[in-house]
Amino acid sequence: MPPRLELSHISKRFPGVVANDDVSFAVEPGRIHALLGENGAGKSTLVKIIYGVQSADEGEIRFDGVPVRIASPREARRLGIAMVFQHFCLFEAMTVLENIALGMDEPPPRRELEARIRAVMTQYDLVLDPHREVHTLSVGERQRIEIVRALLGRPKLLIMDEPTSVLTPQEVDGLFAVLRKLAAEGCSILYISHKLGEIKALCSTATILRGGRLAGTCDPAAETARSMAELMIGGSLKDLSDKSACTYGGERFAVAGLSVVGEPPFGTSLRDVAFTVRSGEIFGIAGVAGNGQNELLAALSGETSEGVSGTIAIEGRAVERLGVSARRRLGLACVPEERNGHAAVPALSLAENAILSARVRKGLASGGLIRFGVARRYAESVIAAFSVKATGPKATAGSLSGGNLQKFIMGREIGQEPTVLVVSQPTWGVDAGAAGFIRQAMIDLAARGAAIVVVSQDLDELLELCDRLAVINEGRLSEAMDVKGISIERVGLLMGGVHGDAPHEAAA
């Protein structure tokens, strides 16, 4: 049989950058094929070409041995290509059934569609109520909507973009079971992920891009996660510093009885959240998205003040009544989850984005006047220290890849030498090399005495980075647990909302 998908000499150029340069590879029928690469390696552009969002400047695409020109996503779906995006496109106030219908080119009558949805869910063990409104669903359930919508088209090729970044360990196992069943039925799967352990467990072949070019193809089962990461970056991967000899100082950050009223209609209210972080300690908060993480970050940073009760203290000084700037003066730095639009303004330069949060602690403004020369030099120092791929401090934030923008934002905050750093999803969607760099920077900051709070959906990241962690679910925070000897099963169950002392009993 011919390859299900065959790319021959694909090239795509944008002003000032070559996104894809003479890329060729094939995906066989019924195989789970990984597409790997650093941020900015050209994966997203290549996938957009395959799905008809963009067109290649050069090269040929063959599907089931036939040359094709994929001019639009609708044409891709007609051929049998489906895609589940990393960021879901769902309407919160509408039902599962309504969202699926909106995403179809020619939806059948409502009763027929519901019958087809239930048939797909039964076939692939995808538990979902078609009449539930989306805002009542967990992130894992929302992903099932996207998967069901894709499977209704009976795809021959399914593209998955970072599909496990927001799932609990149990939900990941369920997703893998679905993908393996699809592959056994003959569907090809192109799987994009930075979680290399998953690639080893799931994929039979991996194609690696570096700098827009094909860097190689490998059998993930014959490689280690480290060797694949080194193929991606084209060099050696540095180990994180040993944290076993770290020492802790006194309590630097304390939260007690923190409650926040969630913003209607879909916000999550925090209820009696409490934790402490010592000098030199990294404290992790695990949880599936939508369980109060954004509300917690807003309350800790000072962005939210209405409907907030409880106490927040930096080195014993109460700050819950202070605003963002006042908390920053006392040593608090914060990195929100959303890079573009919250942590950075896409249309502003990197120097201007530095001014947004570092103007007080780095003296980027004085007497109401901005010191642009100082701001440019600070941005240059961040670019150099964190190996940010950018044309310079005048480059706009929106021109950077996601991983490079994240490195700049983390460098901007860490460069202020904060007493307390609160960061959400520090390496979400970031390649292995950049993730290691960011994690090492946080470890080094803790070694200099800072107290660090890391909110993340990536359990592997928290276990590697943190000294203690707790789980947030439906606005409540579990008791803190030492990461040494921690039960992954118990943490996964807590993330999924199952509570109790005995995980096996709770699961039953």
Protein backbone atom coordinates (compact mmCIF):
# COMPACT_ATOMS: atom_id res chain seq x y z
CA MET A 1 0.00 0.00 0.00
CA PRO A 2 1.21 3.54 -0.64
CA PRO A 3 1.84 5.84 2.35
CA ARG A 4 -1.27 7.44 3.78
CA LEU A 5 0.47 10.84 3.68
CA GLU A 6 3.64 11.64 1.76
CA LEU A 7 5.34 15.04 1.81
CA SER A 8 7.99 15.68 -0.85
CA HIS A 9 10.36 18.69 -0.69
CA ILE A 10 7.90 20.97 1.13
CA SER A 11 9.14 24.55 1.62
CA LYS A 12 7.37 27.57 3.10
CA ARG A 13 8.83 31.06 3.51
CA PHE A 14 7.65 34.14 5.35
CA PRO A 15 9.27 37.59 5.30
CA GLY A 16 12.64 37.19 6.99
CA VAL A 17 12.25 33.50 7.89
CA VAL A 18 12.18 30.08 6.23
CA ALA A 19 9.63 28.06 8.22
CA ASN A 20 10.00 24.80 6.23
CA ASP A 21 12.98 24.02 4.02
CA ASP A 22 12.81 20.98 1.71
CA VAL A 23 10.96 18.71 4.16
CA SER A 24 10.13 15.16 3.05
CA PHE A 25 8.66 12.27 5.04
CA ALA A 26 5.80 9.76 4.92
CA VAL A 27 3.16 8.50 7.36
CA GLU A 28 2.15 4.87 6.81
CA PRO A 29 -1.44 3.56 7.14
CA GLY A 30 -2.39 2.48 10.65
CA ARG A 31 0.73 3.93 12.27
CA ILE A 32 1.12 6.48 15.06
CA HIS A 33 3.82 8.83 13.76
CA ALA A 34 5.39 11.54 15.96
CA LEU A 35 6.42 14.97 14.67
CA LEU A 36 9.08 16.46 16.97
CA GLY A 37 11.09 19.65 17.11
CA GLU A 38 12.02 22.68 19.16
CA ASN A 39 9.74 25.70 19.33
CA GLY A 40 10.16 27.46 16.00
CA ALA A 41 11.36 24.28 14.23
CA GLY A 42 8.52 24.47 11.71
CA LYS A 43 6.04 21.89 13.09
CA SER A 44 3.04 24.22 13.26
CA THR A 45 3.59 25.55 9.74
CA LEU A 46 3.91 22.03 8.35
CA VAL A 47 0.73 20.86 10.06
CA LYS A 48 -1.15 23.93 8.79
CA ILE A 49 -0.04 23.04 5.25
CA ILE A 50 -1.29 19.46 5.68
CA TYR A 51 -4.64 20.67 7.07
CA GLY A 52 -5.11 23.35 4.40
CA VAL A 53 -4.73 26.40 6.62
CA GLN A 54 -1.66 27.49 4.62
CA SER A 55 -0.21 26.50 1.26
CA ALA A 56 3.36 25.43 0.57
CA ASP A 57 5.57 27.54 -1.70
CA GLU A 58 7.25 24.43 -3.09
CA GLY A 59 6.83 20.67 -2.94
CA GLU A 60 4.13 18.05 -3.34
CA ILE A 61 1.64 16.31 -1.05
CA ARG A 62 0.36 12.82 -1.85
CA PHE A 63 -2.56 11.26 0.01
CA ASP A 64 -3.05 7.52 -0.45
CA GLY A 65 -0.62 7.76 -3.36
CA VAL A 66 -2.53 10.50 -5.21
CA PRO A 67 -1.11 14.04 -5.60
CA VAL A 68 -3.43 16.52 -3.87
CA ARG A 69 -3.72 20.25 -3.40
CA ILE A 70 -5.26 20.98 0.00
CA ALA A 71 -6.63 24.51 -0.33
CA SER A 72 -8.68 24.66 2.87
CA PRO A 73 -9.54 22.73 6.05
CA ARG A 74 -12.84 21.79 4.39
CA GLU A 75 -10.90 20.19 1.53
CA ALA A 76 -8.66 18.41 4.06
CA ARG A 77 -11.71 16.97 5.82
CA ARG A 78 -13.16 15.88 2.47
CA LEU A 79 -9.97 13.89 1.85
CA GLY A 80 -10.22 12.28 5.28
CA ILE A 81 -7.85 14.47 7.31
CA ALA A 82 -9.03 15.57 10.77
CA MET A 83 -7.24 17.62 13.41
CA VAL A 84 -7.63 18.04 17.17
CA PHE A 85 -6.02 21.35 18.12
CA GLN A 86 -4.14 22.08 21.34
CA HIS A 87 -6.52 24.94 22.14
CA PHE A 88 -10.13 23.82 21.94
CA CYS A 89 -12.63 25.81 19.87
CA LEU A 90 -15.80 25.41 21.94
CA PHE A 91 -18.69 27.62 23.04
CA GLU A 92 -19.01 27.44 26.83
CA ALA A 93 -22.75 28.17 27.00
CA MET A 94 -23.72 25.58 24.37
CA THR A 95 -24.19 21.83 24.71
CA VAL A 96 -21.85 19.09 23.52
CA LEU A 97 -24.26 18.28 20.70
CA GLU A 98 -24.51 21.90 19.58
CA ASN A 99 -20.73 22.36 19.59
CA ILE A 100 -20.21 19.24 17.51
CA ALA A 101 -22.84 20.36 14.99
CA LEU A 102 -21.22 23.80 14.65
CA GLY A 103 -17.90 22.18 13.78
CA MET A 104 -19.30 20.02 10.98
CA ASP A 105 -19.45 21.08 7.34
CA GLU A 106 -22.87 19.53 6.76
CA PRO A 107 -24.41 18.42 10.06
CA PRO A 108 -27.30 15.92 9.82
CA PRO A 109 -30.64 16.44 11.60
CA ARG A 110 -30.37 16.67 15.39
CA ARG A 111 -31.68 13.19 16.23
CA GLU A 112 -29.53 11.51 13.60
CA LEU A 113 -26.46 13.43 14.81
CA GLU A 114 -27.08 12.43 18.43
CA ALA A 115 -27.38 8.79 17.39
CA ARG A 116 -24.11 8.98 15.48
CA ILE A 117 -22.38 10.69 18.44
CA ARG A 118 -23.55 7.99 20.83
CA ALA A 119 -22.39 5.27 18.41
CA VAL A 120 -18.88 6.78 18.22
CA MET A 121 -18.72 7.18 21.99
CA THR A 122 -19.75 3.56 22.49
CA GLN A 123 -17.24 2.30 19.92
CA TYR A 124 -14.29 4.13 21.51
CA ASP A 125 -15.36 4.22 25.19
CA LEU A 126 -15.66 8.01 25.17
CA VAL A 127 -18.06 8.77 28.03
CA LEU A 128 -19.90 12.05 27.36
CA ASP A 129 -23.44 13.40 27.73
CA PRO A 130 -24.46 15.12 24.45
CA HIS A 131 -26.82 17.42 26.37
CA ARG A 132 -24.32 18.74 28.93
CA GLU A 133 -23.28 22.37 28.57
CA VAL A 134 -19.55 22.77 27.91
CA HIS A 135 -18.88 25.04 30.92
CA THR A 136 -19.83 22.14 33.23
CA LEU A 137 -17.22 19.79 31.73
CA SER A 138 -13.64 19.04 32.75
CA VAL A 139 -10.84 19.72 30.28
CA GLY A 140 -10.55 16.00 29.55
CA GLU A 141 -14.25 15.86 28.69
CA ARG A 142 -13.89 18.92 26.45
CA GLN A 143 -11.13 17.18 24.56
CA ARG A 144 -13.48 14.24 23.99
CA ILE A 145 -15.84 16.64 22.20
CA GLU A 146 -13.08 17.52 19.74
CA ILE A 147 -12.15 13.86 19.29
CA VAL A 148 -15.77 12.78 18.71
CA ARG A 149 -16.23 15.61 16.22
CA ALA A 150 -13.11 14.47 14.36
CA LEU A 151 -14.14 10.78 14.40
CA LEU A 152 -17.61 11.50 13.01
CA GLY A 153 -15.89 12.23 9.69
CA ARG A 154 -14.30 8.74 9.69
CA PRO A 155 -10.79 10.17 9.16
CA LYS A 156 -7.99 8.33 7.45
CA LEU A 157 -5.43 10.67 9.06
CA LEU A 158 -5.87 12.25 12.50
CA ILE A 159 -3.53 15.05 13.59
CA MET A 160 -3.14 15.53 17.36
CA ASP A 161 -1.42 18.71 18.59
CA GLU A 162 -0.12 18.50 22.19
CA PRO A 163 -3.16 16.41 23.17
CA THR A 164 -2.11 15.53 26.76
CA SER A 165 -0.94 18.93 27.99
CA VAL A 166 -4.13 19.43 30.06
CA LEU A 167 -5.00 15.84 31.05
CA THR A 168 -4.65 13.85 34.26
CA PRO A 169 -2.54 10.64 34.12
CA GLN A 170 -5.74 8.58 34.05
CA GLU A 171 -7.15 10.63 31.15
CA VAL A 172 -3.87 10.18 29.24
CA ASP A 173 -4.22 6.39 29.56
CA GLY A 174 -7.77 6.64 28.20
CA LEU A 175 -6.68 8.79 25.26
CA PHE A 176 -3.86 6.39 24.36
CA ALA A 177 -6.34 3.49 24.35
CA VAL A 178 -8.51 5.39 21.84
CA LEU A 179 -5.54 6.23 19.60
CA ARG A 180 -4.26 2.66 19.60
CA LYS A 181 -7.72 1.38 18.66
CA LEU A 182 -7.94 3.89 15.81
CA ALA A 183 -4.53 2.84 14.51
CA ALA A 184 -5.52 -0.83 14.70
CA GLU A 185 -8.52 0.02 12.50
CA GLY A 186 -6.22 1.56 9.88
CA CYS A 187 -6.35 5.25 10.76
CA SER A 188 -2.96 7.01 10.61
CA ILE A 189 -2.14 9.43 13.42
CA LEU A 190 0.33 12.32 13.26
CA TYR A 191 1.14 13.07 16.90
CA ILE A 192 2.82 16.30 18.04
CA SER A 193 4.09 16.50 21.61
CA HIS A 194 6.99 17.74 23.71
CA LYS A 195 6.45 14.90 26.20
CA LEU A 196 9.05 12.48 24.93
CA GLY A 197 8.15 9.73 27.38
CA GLU A 198 4.73 9.61 25.74
CA ILE A 199 6.33 9.43 22.30
CA LYS A 200 8.29 6.34 23.38
CA ALA A 201 5.18 4.68 24.80
CA LEU A 202 2.84 5.46 21.90
CA CYS A 203 4.58 6.09 18.58
CA SER A 204 6.23 3.68 16.13
CA THR A 205 8.14 6.35 14.17
CA ALA A 206 9.31 9.89 14.87
CA THR A 207 10.25 12.57 12.36
CA ILE A 208 12.40 15.35 13.81
CA LEU A 209 12.57 18.92 12.52
CA ARG A 210 15.32 21.39 13.40
CA GLY A 211 15.41 24.93 12.10
CA GLY A 212 12.74 24.15 9.50
CA ARG A 213 14.69 21.26 8.00
CA LEU A 214 14.42 17.51 8.40
CA ALA A 215 16.91 16.50 11.11
CA GLY A 216 16.21 12.78 11.00
CA THR A 217 13.79 9.92 11.60
CA CYS A 218 14.03 7.44 14.44
CA ASP A 219 12.28 4.56 16.20
CA PRO A 220 11.22 5.99 19.58
CA ALA A 221 11.32 2.55 21.20
CA ALA A 222 15.04 2.34 20.39
CA GLU A 223 15.77 5.83 21.75
CA THR A 224 15.69 7.44 25.17
CA ALA A 225 13.77 10.62 25.89
CA ARG A 226 17.14 12.32 26.30
CA SER A 227 18.54 11.12 22.97
CA MET A 228 15.41 12.33 21.14
CA ALA A 229 15.66 15.70 22.87
CA GLU A 230 19.30 15.98 21.78
CA LEU A 231 18.33 15.17 18.19
CA MET A 232 15.79 18.00 18.41
CA ILE A 233 18.24 20.60 19.70
CA GLY A 234 21.29 19.34 17.81
CA GLY A 235 23.48 19.18 20.90
CA SER A 236 23.81 17.86 24.43
CA LEU A 237 21.02 18.35 26.95
CA LYS A 238 22.17 19.72 30.28
CA ASP A 239 21.10 18.01 33.50
CA LEU A 240 19.28 20.03 36.16
CA SER A 241 21.26 20.83 39.28
CA ASP A 242 21.02 18.33 42.13
CA LYS A 243 18.50 19.70 44.65
CA SER A 244 19.15 17.08 47.33
CA ALA A 245 21.58 19.32 49.21
CA CYS A 246 19.36 22.42 49.17
CA THR A 247 18.63 24.16 52.45
CA TYR A 248 15.52 26.09 53.39
CA GLY A 249 15.27 29.34 55.28
CA GLY A 250 12.34 30.85 57.08
CA GLU A 251 8.80 31.25 55.81
CA ARG A 252 8.73 33.79 52.97
CA PHE A 253 5.27 33.44 51.51
CA ALA A 254 2.13 32.47 53.40
CA VAL A 255 -1.48 32.14 52.28
CA ALA A 256 -4.25 31.37 54.76
CA GLY A 257 -8.03 31.08 54.41
CA LEU A 258 -7.95 32.52 50.88
CA SER A 259 -11.38 32.54 49.29
CA VAL A 260 -12.31 34.20 46.01
CA VAL A 261 -15.70 34.50 44.34
CA GLY A 262 -15.38 33.20 40.77
CA GLU A 263 -16.39 35.56 38.00
CA PRO A 264 -19.80 34.55 36.60
CA PRO A 265 -20.92 32.68 34.67
CA PHE A 266 -18.08 30.16 34.40
CA GLY A 267 -15.44 31.24 36.93
CA THR A 268 -14.30 28.88 39.71
CA SER A 269 -14.52 30.11 43.30
CA LEU A 270 -11.58 29.47 45.63
CA ARG A 271 -12.45 28.11 49.06
CA ASP A 272 -10.19 28.36 52.08
CA VAL A 273 -6.88 27.92 50.22
CA ALA A 274 -3.84 27.75 52.51
CA PHE A 275 -0.13 27.01 52.00
CA THR A 276 3.31 28.32 52.99
CA VAL A 277 6.59 28.46 51.08
CA ARG A 278 10.02 28.77 52.68
CA SER A 279 13.08 30.59 51.41
CA GLY A 280 14.84 28.30 48.92
CA GLU A 281 11.78 26.11 48.39
CA ILE A 282 9.80 25.37 45.22
CA PHE A 283 6.16 24.60 45.99
CA GLY A 284 4.02 23.02 43.26
CA ILE A 285 0.29 23.22 42.66
CA ALA A 286 -1.00 20.50 40.31
CA GLY A 287 -4.41 20.49 38.70
CA VAL A 288 -6.44 20.17 35.53
CA ALA A 289 -7.19 23.52 33.88
CA GLY A 290 -10.35 25.29 35.02
CA ASN A 291 -10.16 24.33 38.69
CA GLY A 292 -9.34 27.80 40.02
CA GLN A 293 -5.73 28.26 38.88
CA ASN A 294 -6.38 31.56 37.10
CA GLU A 295 -8.39 32.88 40.04
CA LEU A 296 -5.55 31.90 42.39
CA LEU A 297 -2.91 33.66 40.27
CA ALA A 298 -5.04 36.80 40.05
CA ALA A 299 -5.54 36.87 43.83
CA LEU A 300 -1.85 36.26 44.63
CA SER A 301 -0.60 38.86 42.15
CA GLY A 302 -3.08 41.53 43.25
CA GLU A 303 -4.99 41.68 39.96
CA THR A 304 -8.15 40.67 41.80
CA SER A 305 -9.23 42.39 45.00
CA GLU A 306 -13.05 42.25 44.98
CA GLY A 307 -14.62 39.18 46.53
CA VAL A 308 -11.29 38.15 48.09
CA SER A 309 -10.99 37.15 51.75
CA GLY A 310 -8.19 35.61 53.78
CA THR A 311 -4.54 36.61 54.20
CA ILE A 312 -1.49 36.75 51.92
CA ALA A 313 1.87 37.62 53.46
CA ILE A 314 5.36 38.26 52.06
CA GLU A 315 7.97 37.77 54.80
CA GLY A 316 5.34 38.33 57.44
CA ARG A 317 3.88 41.49 55.91
CA ALA A 318 0.21 41.33 54.94
CA VAL A 319 -0.28 42.28 51.29
CA GLU A 320 -3.85 41.15 50.54
CA ARG A 321 -5.07 44.78 50.49
CA LEU A 322 -2.22 45.98 48.27
CA GLY A 323 -2.30 46.33 44.49
CA VAL A 324 -0.02 44.77 41.87
CA SER A 325 2.68 47.47 41.91
CA ALA A 326 2.87 47.58 45.71
CA ARG A 327 3.31 43.81 45.89
CA ARG A 328 6.02 43.96 43.26
CA ARG A 329 7.90 46.58 45.30
CA LEU A 330 7.89 44.12 48.20
CA GLY A 331 9.49 41.45 46.00
CA LEU A 332 6.63 39.56 44.33
CA ALA A 333 6.97 38.60 40.66
CA CYS A 334 4.28 36.77 38.74
CA VAL A 335 4.01 34.98 35.38
CA PRO A 336 0.42 34.23 34.26
CA GLU A 337 -0.55 31.28 32.09
CA GLU A 338 -1.42 33.24 28.95
CA ARG A 339 1.73 34.49 27.23
CA ASN A 340 0.21 36.69 24.54
CA GLY A 341 -2.14 39.34 25.82
CA HIS A 342 -1.59 38.83 29.55
CA ALA A 343 2.10 38.28 30.28
CA ALA A 344 3.09 40.26 27.18
CA VAL A 345 1.50 42.64 24.67
CA PRO A 346 2.09 41.15 21.19
CA ALA A 347 2.25 44.51 19.36
CA LEU A 348 4.81 46.04 21.76
CA SER A 349 8.57 45.55 21.52
CA LEU A 350 10.45 43.38 23.98
CA ALA A 351 11.91 46.53 25.57
CA GLU A 352 8.42 47.96 26.02
CA ASN A 353 7.20 44.66 27.45
CA ALA A 354 10.06 44.76 29.94
CA ILE A 355 8.78 48.12 31.18
CA LEU A 356 5.36 46.64 31.95
CA SER A 357 6.52 44.62 34.95
CA ALA A 358 10.15 45.60 35.65
CA ARG A 359 9.85 49.41 35.73
CA VAL A 360 9.97 49.59 39.55
CA ARG A 361 12.55 46.99 40.55
CA LYS A 362 14.88 47.64 37.58
CA GLY A 363 14.48 51.44 37.48
CA LEU A 364 13.03 51.52 33.97
CA ALA A 365 10.93 54.57 34.84
CA SER A 366 11.66 57.56 37.05
CA GLY A 367 9.57 60.58 37.99
CA GLY A 368 6.78 59.46 35.68
CA LEU A 369 9.15 59.26 32.68
CA ILE A 370 10.19 56.07 30.92
CA ARG A 371 13.94 55.48 30.60
CA PHE A 372 13.94 53.82 27.18
CA GLY A 373 17.72 53.36 27.06
CA VAL A 374 17.72 51.48 30.37
CA ALA A 375 14.73 49.41 29.22
CA ARG A 376 16.50 48.41 26.00
CA ARG A 377 19.62 47.37 27.91
CA TYR A 378 17.56 45.32 30.35
CA ALA A 379 15.73 43.61 27.49
CA GLU A 380 19.09 42.90 25.81
CA SER A 381 20.38 41.33 29.02
CA VAL A 382 17.33 39.07 29.25
CA ILE A 383 17.67 38.06 25.59
CA ALA A 384 21.32 37.14 26.14
CA ALA A 385 20.91 35.41 29.52
CA PHE A 386 17.96 33.26 28.42
CA SER A 387 19.10 32.57 24.84
CA VAL A 388 15.98 34.15 23.35
CA LYS A 389 15.88 33.87 19.56
CA ALA A 390 14.89 37.41 18.56
CA THR A 391 16.27 40.17 16.35
CA GLY A 392 16.81 42.37 19.41
CA PRO A 393 14.95 44.46 21.98
CA LYS A 394 12.98 46.21 19.25
CA ALA A 395 11.41 42.94 18.07
CA THR A 396 7.71 42.72 18.88
CA ALA A 397 6.58 40.06 21.34
CA GLY A 398 4.18 38.72 18.71
CA SER A 399 7.06 37.97 16.31
CA LEU A 400 8.61 35.39 18.69
CA SER A 401 7.74 31.70 18.79
CA GLY A 402 5.84 30.58 21.87
CA GLY A 403 8.89 29.02 23.49
CA ASN A 404 11.11 32.04 22.93
CA LEU A 405 8.46 34.43 24.23
CA GLN A 406 8.11 32.26 27.33
CA LYS A 407 11.87 32.39 27.88
CA PHE A 408 11.80 36.17 27.60
CA ILE A 409 8.90 36.52 30.05
CA MET A 410 10.52 34.18 32.57
CA GLY A 411 13.84 36.00 32.17
CA ARG A 412 12.14 39.38 32.62
CA GLU A 413 10.69 38.26 35.98
CA ILE A 414 13.67 36.26 37.27
CA GLY A 415 16.06 39.07 36.32
CA GLN A 416 14.32 41.25 38.91
CA GLU A 417 15.60 38.91 41.68
CA PRO A 418 12.18 38.57 43.32
CA THR A 419 11.70 37.45 46.90
CA VAL A 420 8.68 35.44 45.79
CA LEU A 421 8.01 34.13 42.27
CA VAL A 422 4.56 32.81 41.35
CA VAL A 423 4.43 31.25 37.89
CA SER A 424 1.71 29.38 36.00
CA GLN A 425 2.56 26.77 33.34
CA PRO A 426 6.25 27.77 33.09
CA THR A 427 7.05 25.40 30.21
CA TRP A 428 3.67 24.78 28.55
CA GLY A 429 4.22 24.08 24.85
CA VAL A 430 7.98 24.58 25.23
CA ASP A 431 10.56 22.18 23.77
CA ALA A 432 12.85 20.05 25.92
CA GLY A 433 15.87 22.33 25.64
CA ALA A 434 13.97 25.52 26.52
CA ALA A 435 12.06 23.71 29.29
CA GLY A 436 15.30 22.55 30.89
CA PHE A 437 16.71 26.07 30.70
CA ILE A 438 13.62 27.60 32.35
CA ARG A 439 13.52 24.97 35.11
CA GLN A 440 17.21 25.43 35.86
CA ALA A 441 16.69 29.21 36.11
CA MET A 442 13.97 28.63 38.72
CA ILE A 443 16.18 26.21 40.67
CA ASP A 444 19.01 28.77 40.65
CA LEU A 445 16.64 31.51 41.85
CA ALA A 446 15.48 29.29 44.72
CA ALA A 447 19.10 28.56 45.58
CA ARG A 448 19.57 32.34 46.00
CA GLY A 449 16.81 32.35 48.61
CA ALA A 450 13.59 33.02 46.70
CA ALA A 451 10.33 31.24 47.50
CA ILE A 452 8.74 29.88 44.31
CA VAL A 453 5.19 28.73 43.61
CA VAL A 454 4.72 26.74 40.37
CA VAL A 455 1.18 26.09 39.10
CA SER A 456 1.26 23.46 36.38
CA GLN A 457 -0.80 20.80 34.62
CA ASP A 458 2.41 18.89 33.84
CA LEU A 459 2.84 16.42 36.68
CA ASP A 460 6.24 15.25 35.43
CA GLU A 461 7.47 18.84 35.58
CA LEU A 462 6.27 19.31 39.15
CA LEU A 463 7.85 16.07 40.33
CA GLU A 464 11.17 17.03 38.75
CA LEU A 465 11.17 20.62 39.98
CA CYS A 466 9.36 20.89 43.30
CA ASP A 467 10.12 20.06 46.92
CA ARG A 468 6.46 19.81 47.95
CA LEU A 469 3.21 19.93 46.03
CA ALA A 470 -0.54 20.13 46.52
CA VAL A 471 -3.46 19.55 44.16
CA ILE A 472 -6.17 22.11 43.32
CA ASN A 473 -9.61 20.81 42.35
CA GLU A 474 -12.85 22.79 42.14
CA GLY A 475 -11.23 25.69 43.97
CA ARG A 476 -9.97 23.66 46.93
CA LEU A 477 -6.32 22.89 47.67
CA SER A 478 -5.29 19.52 49.08
CA GLU A 479 -2.77 19.09 51.85
CA ALA A 480 0.86 19.56 50.82
CA MET A 481 2.83 16.41 50.02
CA ASP A 482 6.58 15.82 49.90
CA VAL A 483 7.48 14.80 46.33
CA LYS A 484 9.85 12.10 47.59
CA GLY A 485 7.92 8.84 47.52
CA ILE A 486 4.71 10.49 46.35
CA SER A 487 2.00 8.30 44.77
CA ILE A 488 1.41 9.31 41.15
CA GLU A 489 -1.90 7.45 41.23
CA ARG A 490 -3.08 9.43 44.24
CA VAL A 491 -2.09 12.76 42.68
CA GLY A 492 -3.85 11.83 39.43
CA LEU A 493 -7.02 10.92 41.31
CA LEU A 494 -6.90 14.19 43.26
CA MET A 495 -6.48 16.09 39.98
CA GLY A 496 -9.55 14.28 38.64
CA GLY A 497 -11.63 15.17 41.69
CA VAL A 498 -11.51 11.83 43.50
CA HIS A 499 -10.64 12.34 47.17
CA GLY A 500 -9.86 9.91 49.95
CA ASP A 501 -6.98 8.20 51.75
CA ALA A 502 -6.96 5.02 49.66
CA PRO A 503 -6.68 5.62 45.90
CA HIS A 504 -7.79 2.09 45.01
CA GLU A 505 -10.93 2.46 47.09
CA ALA A 506 -11.69 5.88 45.59
CA ALA A 507 -11.21 4.55 42.08
CA ALA A 508 -13.54 1.64 42.83
